[in-house]
Amino acid sequence: MGVAERNGLRSCARLSRGHKITIALLSILFIIYHSTPYDSRPRSFVRFQQNNVEDYIQNNYPSDSWLFRRQRYPVNPDQDIGVILKTGYGTRHRVNALLRALSNETFFSDAIVVQDFPVVEESQNYSLANGKAVPAIDIIGWNLKRGALNGTQNLERMRKYKHLADAVGAEEWMLADGIGRNMGWELDAMKFLPSLEYAWLNMPKKKWYLILDDDTYIIKHSLTLFLGHLNPAKPTFLGNPVGDYKGRFPHGGSSVIISGSAVSKLYDGHPDVVAEGHQESPTAIWGDKLLSTTLMKIGVYLDETYGRMFNGENPWMTRMWVDRFCLPLVSFHGLGDGDLMEQVGNTFKHMERPVFWRQLADVYGAYNFSSFHQDPVRANMDFVGRLDEHSTTFTEVNDVPQCIKLCGQHRNTCLAWTFDPALRLCHIAPWAIIGDIVEGRSSGVNAPLAEWAANKCHTPS
């Protein structure tokens, strides 16, 4: 090799000034990221942007094939899942309805009921339909008695808890009802951390821990379908993500799932961090966020990869998004009024297979997508439901054909449309609900888009 050739190779190997600056900046960012605390803003910002990229990919290139591969970590709910059911004095009547609903689909996991008032003798234990006892615990009283809340007794929220406890202890039921209704959400913020700790102490070694509100329903086979692909030995925190980049947390009403290894890492490995969380709880606004920010301090972050499977609506208002068609539907929320929980429990009674988002209308006998080819317009119906920043509203729309045309002009993003003749408004959305009766409106579902999305879904082999 001649001198000219050797000089040429050296020139190619030599980094340009721009490359050196880029490498230096990346190195500095890497050092800053890894030298800051787990819950620092730089780390949170990077994770937030990473989640945005992953969300874009899932939205535009949804994939479900992994769900139907062999499960590496199969889950037996009765043995592997511990259920924490949160209730309050004002909503305690919901507990039996929820336990009956879960029993309908033979969801017989070990469970506890955690509440914000003293346990009276007649409600020391609830039970599932198979006779398994479900003990009730005054979780705030338990946390207070063992000293985890020392120094907080004079805070307003602690005084409210004491007023409620005194009213229950004195059997002043009307007073207790009034207190419970007015401050239930405040005391709920104090339940998450001690409830999970109590479960870890009394239901140890579970692969997964499931936290439910008393108006939240879980579809067992949908849950076990995706959990069977996740390693419970890895610290994992799952749910329906909400909040800004500084503290993403799972919406508690959609249910929260935590792996046993994450629970062990928190309570066995970092009691100092847990103690800080308990001290924060009397002033925390949301308990689900406090749980998340506490886990962030030990490097356990909300995994948003599976957020699309969780649902914070009741079945009638649940939005079947196109990018969720092929995924299992895990939860419903907002079932506390009347007999809604009983209705849902009966609908999914003895369900022996997962339920996918695209199947919800079929499960309720509302419609199948192909029916909108022959009958595209349904009078006095609304398949869009609640509007938000993802829906689009057109004004000065004169009739149904014009609204259908507007949906067609957005055929890749308009799954449902609704026309309001009184206001001359046309609403389109990238989702569809099973249908709400609204006098005077007309509505429909974009059958070609729905069928295209459904046909991309895999099925068990």
Protein backbone atom coordinates (compact mmCIF):
# COMPACT_ATOMS: atom_id res chain seq x y z
CA MET A 1 0.00 0.00 0.00
CA GLY A 2 1.44 3.36 -1.01
CA VAL A 3 1.73 6.54 1.01
CA ALA A 4 -1.21 8.12 -0.78
CA GLU A 5 -3.46 5.17 0.04
CA ARG A 6 -2.45 5.18 3.73
CA ASN A 7 -3.07 8.92 4.00
CA GLY A 8 -6.46 8.41 2.39
CA LEU A 9 -7.42 5.79 4.97
CA ARG A 10 -6.29 8.05 7.83
CA SER A 11 -8.37 10.87 6.40
CA CYS A 12 -11.45 8.63 6.22
CA ALA A 13 -10.95 7.45 9.80
CA ARG A 14 -10.41 10.97 11.14
CA LEU A 15 -13.58 12.45 12.67
CA SER A 16 -14.80 15.78 11.44
CA ARG A 17 -15.34 18.66 13.85
CA GLY A 18 -19.11 18.20 13.61
CA HIS A 19 -18.88 14.49 14.46
CA LYS A 20 -16.70 15.24 17.48
CA ILE A 21 -19.16 17.85 18.77
CA THR A 22 -22.08 15.44 18.29
CA ILE A 23 -20.31 12.62 20.16
CA ALA A 24 -19.31 15.01 22.95
CA LEU A 25 -22.88 16.27 23.36
CA LEU A 26 -24.29 12.74 23.40
CA SER A 27 -21.69 11.71 25.97
CA ILE A 28 -22.56 14.67 28.18
CA LEU A 29 -26.29 13.90 27.92
CA PHE A 30 -25.62 10.23 28.73
CA ILE A 31 -23.62 11.19 31.82
CA ILE A 32 -26.24 13.72 32.97
CA TYR A 33 -29.06 11.21 32.48
CA HIS A 34 -27.36 8.44 34.45
CA SER A 35 -26.03 10.70 37.20
CA THR A 36 -29.40 12.24 38.09
CA PRO A 37 -31.92 10.63 40.48
CA TYR A 38 -34.39 8.13 39.03
CA ASP A 39 -37.26 10.61 39.42
CA SER A 40 -35.37 13.64 38.05
CA ARG A 41 -36.91 15.83 35.37
CA PRO A 42 -34.24 15.02 32.75
CA ARG A 43 -34.95 11.29 33.09
CA SER A 44 -38.70 11.89 33.11
CA PHE A 45 -38.48 14.08 30.00
CA VAL A 46 -36.43 11.50 28.08
CA ARG A 47 -38.83 8.71 29.04
CA PHE A 48 -41.81 10.86 28.07
CA GLN A 49 -40.38 11.48 24.60
CA GLN A 50 -39.55 7.79 24.24
CA ASN A 51 -43.14 6.92 25.13
CA ASN A 52 -44.40 9.42 22.55
CA VAL A 53 -42.36 7.68 19.85
CA GLU A 54 -43.62 4.25 20.92
CA ASP A 55 -47.19 5.56 21.03
CA TYR A 56 -46.85 6.89 17.47
CA ILE A 57 -45.61 3.50 16.29
CA GLN A 58 -48.42 1.64 18.05
CA ASN A 59 -51.00 4.05 16.67
CA ASN A 60 -49.80 3.82 13.06
CA TYR A 61 -48.45 0.26 12.99
CA PRO A 62 -50.50 -1.73 15.52
CA SER A 63 -49.42 -5.33 16.08
CA ASP A 64 -51.02 -8.14 18.02
CA SER A 65 -49.15 -11.22 16.78
CA TRP A 66 -47.15 -11.42 20.02
CA LEU A 67 -50.36 -12.13 21.94
CA PHE A 68 -50.81 -15.47 20.20
CA ARG A 69 -47.31 -16.81 20.60
CA ARG A 70 -46.63 -19.36 23.31
CA GLN A 71 -46.87 -17.76 26.73
CA ARG A 72 -43.54 -17.89 28.53
CA TYR A 73 -45.04 -16.87 31.88
CA PRO A 74 -48.57 -18.37 32.08
CA VAL A 75 -50.76 -17.00 34.86
CA ASN A 76 -53.20 -18.88 37.08
CA PRO A 77 -55.31 -16.06 38.57
CA ASP A 78 -56.39 -18.08 41.59
CA GLN A 79 -52.78 -18.61 42.64
CA ASP A 80 -50.68 -15.93 40.97
CA ILE A 81 -52.69 -12.71 41.39
CA GLY A 82 -53.45 -10.83 44.59
CA VAL A 83 -56.42 -8.44 44.34
CA ILE A 84 -56.63 -5.23 46.37
CA LEU A 85 -60.16 -3.82 46.28
CA LYS A 86 -60.40 -0.20 47.46
CA THR A 87 -63.60 1.17 48.93
CA GLY A 88 -64.74 4.04 51.14
CA TYR A 89 -67.47 4.60 53.66
CA GLY A 90 -69.67 6.33 51.12
CA THR A 91 -69.30 3.53 48.54
CA ARG A 92 -69.05 0.43 50.74
CA HIS A 93 -72.33 -0.90 49.34
CA ARG A 94 -70.55 -1.57 46.03
CA VAL A 95 -68.21 -4.24 47.39
CA ASN A 96 -70.58 -7.20 47.37
CA ALA A 97 -71.77 -6.37 43.84
CA LEU A 98 -68.19 -6.32 42.57
CA LEU A 99 -67.28 -9.59 44.29
CA ARG A 100 -70.38 -11.24 42.79
CA ALA A 101 -69.46 -9.91 39.35
CA LEU A 102 -65.91 -11.25 39.58
CA SER A 103 -67.25 -14.58 40.84
CA ASN A 104 -69.48 -14.80 37.77
CA GLU A 105 -66.38 -15.29 35.62
CA THR A 106 -64.72 -17.53 38.26
CA PHE A 107 -62.18 -14.88 39.22
CA PHE A 108 -61.29 -16.43 42.59
CA SER A 109 -57.93 -14.84 43.37
CA ASP A 110 -56.84 -14.14 46.93
CA ALA A 111 -58.23 -10.70 47.72
CA ILE A 112 -58.54 -8.06 50.43
CA VAL A 113 -60.91 -5.11 50.82
CA VAL A 114 -59.15 -1.95 52.02
CA GLN A 115 -61.28 0.86 53.41
CA ASP A 116 -60.97 4.23 55.13
CA PHE A 117 -63.09 3.55 58.23
CA PRO A 118 -63.05 1.09 61.15
CA VAL A 119 -64.18 -2.44 60.40
CA VAL A 120 -67.46 -3.23 62.14
CA GLU A 121 -68.14 -6.78 63.23
CA GLU A 122 -70.71 -7.63 60.57
CA SER A 123 -68.35 -6.67 57.72
CA GLN A 124 -65.09 -8.16 58.96
CA ASN A 125 -65.11 -10.55 56.04
CA TYR A 126 -66.66 -10.53 52.61
CA SER A 127 -66.61 -13.63 50.43
CA LEU A 128 -66.48 -14.81 46.85
CA ALA A 129 -69.06 -17.18 45.40
CA ASN A 130 -66.82 -20.20 46.03
CA GLY A 131 -66.73 -19.39 49.74
CA LYS A 132 -63.23 -17.90 49.79
CA ALA A 133 -63.04 -15.22 52.49
CA VAL A 134 -62.12 -11.67 51.56
CA PRO A 135 -61.04 -9.83 54.72
CA ALA A 136 -61.72 -6.11 55.21
CA ILE A 137 -59.05 -3.80 56.64
CA ASP A 138 -59.21 -0.20 57.83
CA ILE A 139 -56.01 0.53 55.97
CA ILE A 140 -55.59 4.11 57.21
CA GLY A 141 -56.13 3.01 60.80
CA TRP A 142 -53.62 0.19 60.28
CA ASN A 143 -51.05 2.59 58.90
CA LEU A 144 -51.67 5.06 61.72
CA LYS A 145 -51.49 2.43 64.46
CA ARG A 146 -48.10 1.12 63.36
CA GLY A 147 -46.59 4.60 63.37
CA ALA A 148 -46.16 5.19 59.63
CA LEU A 149 -48.16 8.43 59.91
CA ASN A 150 -46.51 9.78 63.05
CA GLY A 151 -46.28 13.55 62.97
CA THR A 152 -49.22 13.97 60.59
CA GLN A 153 -52.07 13.65 63.09
CA ASN A 154 -52.80 17.39 63.12
CA LEU A 155 -53.11 17.69 59.36
CA GLU A 156 -56.61 18.40 58.07
CA ARG A 157 -57.03 15.08 56.28
CA MET A 158 -56.01 13.13 59.36
CA ARG A 159 -58.54 15.04 61.45
CA LYS A 160 -61.22 14.18 58.90
CA TYR A 161 -60.31 10.50 59.13
CA LYS A 162 -60.57 10.69 62.94
CA HIS A 163 -64.01 12.33 62.70
CA LEU A 164 -65.20 9.53 60.42
CA ALA A 165 -63.70 6.82 62.62
CA ASP A 166 -65.29 8.34 65.72
CA ALA A 167 -68.70 8.54 64.03
CA VAL A 168 -68.53 4.90 62.95
CA GLY A 169 -67.32 3.84 66.39
CA ALA A 170 -70.23 5.69 68.03
CA GLU A 171 -72.67 4.17 65.50
CA GLU A 172 -73.71 7.64 64.36
CA TRP A 173 -74.50 6.38 60.87
CA MET A 174 -76.06 9.54 59.42
CA LEU A 175 -73.07 11.62 60.48
CA ALA A 176 -70.69 9.01 59.09
CA ASP A 177 -72.57 8.98 55.77
CA GLY A 178 -72.23 12.73 55.45
CA ILE A 179 -68.53 12.71 56.25
CA GLY A 180 -67.85 9.77 53.93
CA ARG A 181 -69.61 11.37 50.96
CA ASN A 182 -67.81 14.68 51.34
CA MET A 183 -64.23 13.50 51.68
CA GLY A 184 -64.00 10.02 50.22
CA TRP A 185 -61.61 11.09 47.45
CA GLU A 186 -59.25 12.70 49.98
CA LEU A 187 -58.94 9.56 52.09
CA ASP A 188 -58.58 7.45 48.95
CA ALA A 189 -55.23 9.14 48.29
CA MET A 190 -53.97 7.59 51.53
CA LYS A 191 -54.86 4.00 50.63
CA PHE A 192 -52.56 3.07 47.75
CA LEU A 193 -49.17 2.73 49.44
CA PRO A 194 -50.29 1.03 52.68
CA SER A 195 -52.73 -1.22 50.80
CA LEU A 196 -49.99 -2.60 48.60
CA GLU A 197 -47.72 -3.03 51.61
CA TYR A 198 -50.43 -4.85 53.57
CA ALA A 199 -51.03 -7.13 50.59
CA TRP A 200 -47.31 -7.87 50.32
CA LEU A 201 -47.18 -8.79 54.01
CA ASN A 202 -50.36 -10.90 53.99
CA MET A 203 -50.48 -12.24 50.42
CA PRO A 204 -46.75 -12.58 49.70
CA LYS A 205 -45.02 -14.06 46.69
CA LYS A 206 -47.79 -13.35 44.19
CA LYS A 207 -46.60 -12.86 40.64
CA TRP A 208 -48.91 -9.89 40.18
CA TYR A 209 -50.90 -7.48 42.36
CA LEU A 210 -54.06 -5.89 41.01
CA ILE A 211 -55.51 -2.70 42.54
CA LEU A 212 -59.20 -2.07 41.81
CA ASP A 213 -61.69 0.64 42.66
CA ASP A 214 -65.03 -0.66 43.88
CA ASP A 215 -66.66 0.42 40.60
CA THR A 216 -64.06 -1.23 38.33
CA TYR A 217 -64.58 -4.56 36.57
CA ILE A 218 -61.84 -6.82 35.21
CA ILE A 219 -62.20 -9.29 32.32
CA LYS A 220 -60.15 -12.21 33.61
CA HIS A 221 -59.19 -13.90 30.34
CA SER A 222 -58.18 -10.61 28.73
CA LEU A 223 -55.96 -9.94 31.72
CA THR A 224 -54.26 -13.33 31.70
CA LEU A 225 -53.78 -13.28 27.92
CA PHE A 226 -51.29 -10.43 28.02
CA LEU A 227 -49.84 -11.01 31.50
CA GLY A 228 -48.74 -14.46 30.35
CA HIS A 229 -46.22 -12.78 28.06
CA LEU A 230 -44.68 -10.58 30.79
CA ASN A 231 -41.97 -11.70 33.18
CA PRO A 232 -43.19 -11.17 36.77
CA ALA A 233 -39.59 -11.39 37.98
CA LYS A 234 -38.97 -8.04 36.28
CA PRO A 235 -40.13 -4.94 38.21
CA THR A 236 -43.19 -3.91 36.18
CA PHE A 237 -45.85 -1.24 36.70
CA LEU A 238 -48.87 -1.20 34.36
CA GLY A 239 -52.01 0.83 33.79
CA ASN A 240 -53.78 3.50 31.75
CA PRO A 241 -51.25 6.38 31.57
CA VAL A 242 -52.24 9.95 32.40
CA GLY A 243 -50.38 13.06 33.56
CA ASP A 244 -47.51 15.15 32.24
CA TYR A 245 -43.88 14.14 31.80
CA LYS A 246 -42.92 15.06 35.38
CA GLY A 247 -45.03 12.30 36.86
CA ARG A 248 -46.84 9.89 34.57
CA PHE A 249 -49.15 7.64 36.54
CA PRO A 250 -51.85 5.02 35.89
CA HIS A 251 -55.49 6.08 36.16
CA GLY A 252 -56.61 4.17 39.24
CA GLY A 253 -60.15 3.63 37.99
CA SER A 254 -58.86 1.68 34.98
CA SER A 255 -57.05 -0.68 37.43
CA VAL A 256 -53.37 -0.81 38.33
CA ILE A 257 -51.10 -3.87 37.99
CA ILE A 258 -47.74 -4.29 39.70
CA SER A 259 -45.41 -7.27 39.50
CA GLY A 260 -44.39 -9.02 42.68
CA SER A 261 -40.77 -8.16 42.02
CA ALA A 262 -41.61 -4.44 41.86
CA VAL A 263 -43.50 -4.70 45.15
CA SER A 264 -40.57 -6.52 46.74
CA LYS A 265 -38.09 -3.97 45.41
CA LEU A 266 -40.12 -1.15 46.95
CA TYR A 267 -41.10 -2.53 50.35
CA ASP A 268 -38.20 -4.89 51.04
CA GLY A 269 -35.47 -2.91 49.36
CA HIS A 270 -36.35 0.73 50.02
CA PRO A 271 -38.23 1.17 53.32
CA ASP A 272 -36.93 4.74 53.53
CA VAL A 273 -38.66 5.65 50.26
CA VAL A 274 -41.86 3.97 51.47
CA ALA A 275 -41.70 5.95 54.72
CA GLU A 276 -41.45 9.19 52.74
CA GLY A 277 -44.49 8.20 50.70
CA HIS A 278 -46.57 7.51 53.81
CA GLN A 279 -45.67 10.94 55.16
CA GLU A 280 -46.71 12.56 51.87
CA SER A 281 -50.06 10.75 51.68
CA PRO A 282 -52.08 13.09 53.98
CA THR A 283 -51.42 15.96 51.56
CA ALA A 284 -51.29 14.07 48.24
CA ILE A 285 -54.01 14.89 45.74
CA TRP A 286 -54.12 11.51 44.00
CA GLY A 287 -53.05 8.22 45.51
CA ASP A 288 -52.34 6.62 42.14
CA LYS A 289 -49.91 9.43 41.34
CA LEU A 290 -48.25 9.13 44.77
CA LEU A 291 -47.73 5.41 44.14
CA SER A 292 -46.19 6.18 40.75
CA THR A 293 -43.85 8.93 41.97
CA THR A 294 -42.77 6.70 44.86
CA LEU A 295 -41.91 3.87 42.47
CA MET A 296 -40.07 6.33 40.22
CA LYS A 297 -37.68 7.05 43.09
CA ILE A 298 -36.43 3.45 42.93
CA GLY A 299 -36.28 3.26 39.14
CA VAL A 300 -39.63 1.54 38.50
CA TYR A 301 -41.57 3.47 35.88
CA LEU A 302 -45.04 3.10 34.43
CA ASP A 303 -44.72 0.88 31.35
CA GLU A 304 -46.97 2.54 28.78
CA THR A 305 -46.52 -0.21 26.19
CA TYR A 306 -49.70 -1.92 27.35
CA GLY A 307 -51.73 1.16 28.25
CA ARG A 308 -54.17 0.65 25.38
CA MET A 309 -55.57 -2.47 27.04
CA PHE A 310 -56.89 -0.56 30.06
CA ASN A 311 -60.19 1.30 29.92
CA GLY A 312 -61.63 3.99 32.17
CA GLU A 313 -65.21 3.97 30.85
CA ASN A 314 -68.33 1.87 31.34
CA PRO A 315 -69.20 -0.49 28.45
CA TRP A 316 -71.79 1.83 26.93
CA MET A 317 -69.37 4.76 26.69
CA THR A 318 -66.24 2.71 25.89
CA ARG A 319 -64.52 3.97 22.76
CA MET A 320 -63.45 1.27 20.32
CA TRP A 321 -60.40 2.98 18.80
CA VAL A 322 -59.08 1.62 15.52
CA ASP A 323 -55.58 1.18 16.97
CA ARG A 324 -57.03 -0.95 19.79
CA PHE A 325 -59.20 -3.25 17.68
CA CYS A 326 -56.79 -6.16 17.93
CA LEU A 327 -55.92 -5.80 21.61
CA PRO A 328 -57.62 -7.39 24.63
CA LEU A 329 -59.98 -5.17 26.61
CA VAL A 330 -59.06 -5.57 30.29
CA SER A 331 -61.24 -3.24 32.34
CA PHE A 332 -64.40 -1.16 32.74
CA HIS A 333 -64.89 1.70 35.17
CA GLY A 334 -67.75 3.84 36.45
CA LEU A 335 -70.06 0.97 37.41
CA GLY A 336 -71.02 2.26 40.85
CA ASP A 337 -74.53 3.53 40.10
CA GLY A 338 -77.59 1.35 40.46
CA ASP A 339 -77.18 -2.17 39.13
CA LEU A 340 -74.54 -1.38 36.49
CA MET A 341 -71.98 -3.72 38.07
CA GLU A 342 -74.54 -6.52 38.19
CA GLN A 343 -75.42 -5.95 34.53
CA VAL A 344 -71.78 -6.11 33.46
CA GLY A 345 -71.16 -9.16 35.64
CA ASN A 346 -74.07 -10.98 34.02
CA THR A 347 -72.98 -9.99 30.52
CA PHE A 348 -69.51 -11.46 30.99
CA LYS A 349 -70.69 -14.35 33.15
CA HIS A 350 -68.71 -17.54 32.54
CA MET A 351 -66.69 -15.81 29.81
CA GLU A 352 -64.11 -18.39 28.73
CA ARG A 353 -62.00 -16.38 26.31
CA PRO A 354 -60.48 -12.92 26.03
CA VAL A 355 -62.60 -10.02 24.83
CA PHE A 356 -61.06 -7.68 22.27
CA TRP A 357 -61.96 -4.03 21.79
CA ARG A 358 -63.48 -4.66 18.37
CA GLN A 359 -65.86 -7.27 19.84
CA LEU A 360 -67.62 -5.09 22.39
CA ALA A 361 -70.60 -4.20 20.20
CA ASP A 362 -71.07 -7.88 19.37
CA VAL A 363 -70.90 -8.88 23.04
CA TYR A 364 -73.72 -6.45 23.79
CA GLY A 365 -75.70 -7.37 20.69
CA ALA A 366 -75.59 -3.77 19.48
CA TYR A 367 -74.39 -4.25 15.90
CA ASN A 368 -71.76 -5.80 13.70
CA PHE A 369 -69.71 -3.57 11.47
CA SER A 370 -70.84 -5.16 8.20
CA SER A 371 -74.46 -4.19 8.90
CA PHE A 372 -73.61 -0.55 8.14
CA HIS A 373 -73.07 -1.41 4.47
CA GLN A 374 -76.79 -2.07 4.01
CA ASP A 375 -78.07 0.26 6.71
CA PRO A 376 -75.55 3.11 7.03
CA VAL A 377 -77.79 5.52 8.96
CA ARG A 378 -79.33 4.80 12.38
CA ALA A 379 -81.96 7.27 13.55
CA ASN A 380 -82.01 8.56 17.13
CA MET A 381 -78.59 7.09 17.83
CA ASP A 382 -75.12 8.40 18.59
CA PHE A 383 -72.06 6.22 17.94
CA VAL A 384 -69.54 9.00 18.69
CA GLY A 385 -70.41 9.80 22.29
CA ARG A 386 -68.36 12.22 24.35
CA LEU A 387 -66.34 14.70 22.30
CA ASP A 388 -62.75 15.72 23.01
CA GLU A 389 -59.60 17.02 21.31
CA HIS A 390 -59.41 13.90 19.12
CA SER A 391 -62.88 14.35 17.61
CA THR A 392 -63.77 16.87 14.91
CA THR A 393 -66.92 18.98 14.70
CA PHE A 394 -68.11 20.59 11.46
CA THR A 395 -70.58 23.48 11.57
CA GLU A 396 -73.23 24.57 9.07
CA VAL A 397 -73.87 20.99 7.95
CA ASN A 398 -77.26 20.70 6.28
CA ASP A 399 -78.09 17.00 6.22
CA VAL A 400 -77.00 13.40 6.83
CA PRO A 401 -75.47 12.84 3.36
CA GLN A 402 -73.20 15.85 3.87
CA CYS A 403 -72.07 14.48 7.25
CA ILE A 404 -71.40 11.05 5.73
CA LYS A 405 -69.38 12.75 2.98
CA LEU A 406 -67.28 14.57 5.59
CA CYS A 407 -66.56 11.25 7.29
CA GLY A 408 -65.59 9.80 3.91
CA GLN A 409 -63.13 12.62 3.36
CA HIS A 410 -61.40 11.41 6.54
CA ARG A 411 -61.89 7.73 5.79
CA ASN A 412 -58.68 6.66 7.55
CA THR A 413 -59.50 8.44 10.79
CA CYS A 414 -63.30 8.64 10.91
CA LEU A 415 -64.71 5.47 12.46
CA ALA A 416 -68.05 6.99 13.52
CA TRP A 417 -70.10 10.06 12.69
CA THR A 418 -73.12 11.76 14.27
CA PHE A 419 -75.35 14.44 12.76
CA ASP A 420 -77.29 16.89 14.95
CA PRO A 421 -79.93 18.58 12.74
CA ALA A 422 -81.06 21.03 15.42
CA LEU A 423 -77.59 22.56 15.66
CA ARG A 424 -76.48 21.66 12.11
CA LEU A 425 -73.38 19.96 13.50
CA CYS A 426 -71.52 16.90 12.24
CA HIS A 427 -69.22 15.12 14.69
CA ILE A 428 -66.67 12.56 13.52
CA ALA A 429 -64.26 10.55 15.66
CA PRO A 430 -61.52 7.89 15.33
CA TRP A 431 -63.55 5.61 17.61
CA ALA A 432 -67.06 4.20 17.93
CA ILE A 433 -69.16 3.42 20.99
CA ILE A 434 -71.80 0.69 21.06
CA GLY A 435 -74.48 3.35 20.75
CA ASP A 436 -76.32 5.91 22.85
CA ILE A 437 -79.99 6.73 22.23
CA VAL A 438 -80.28 10.46 21.46
CA GLU A 439 -83.60 11.74 20.15
CA GLY A 440 -83.34 13.57 16.82
CA ARG A 441 -79.78 12.67 15.92
CA SER A 442 -78.59 10.31 13.21
CA SER A 443 -75.39 8.32 13.36
CA GLY A 444 -73.36 5.59 11.70
CA VAL A 445 -70.11 3.65 11.66
CA ASN A 446 -67.57 3.65 8.84
CA ALA A 447 -67.89 -0.03 7.92
CA PRO A 448 -64.98 -0.21 5.43
CA LEU A 449 -62.52 1.21 7.97
CA ALA A 450 -63.84 -1.01 10.77
CA GLU A 451 -63.63 -4.16 8.64
CA TRP A 452 -60.17 -3.25 7.35
CA ALA A 453 -58.90 -2.82 10.92
CA ALA A 454 -60.61 -6.00 12.16
CA ASN A 455 -59.27 -8.08 9.27
CA LYS A 456 -55.71 -7.19 10.28
CA CYS A 457 -56.17 -8.86 13.66
CA HIS A 458 -54.64 -12.26 14.40
CA THR A 459 -56.55 -15.11 15.98
CA PRO A 460 -55.35 -18.01 18.13
CA SER A 461 -53.71 -20.71 16.00
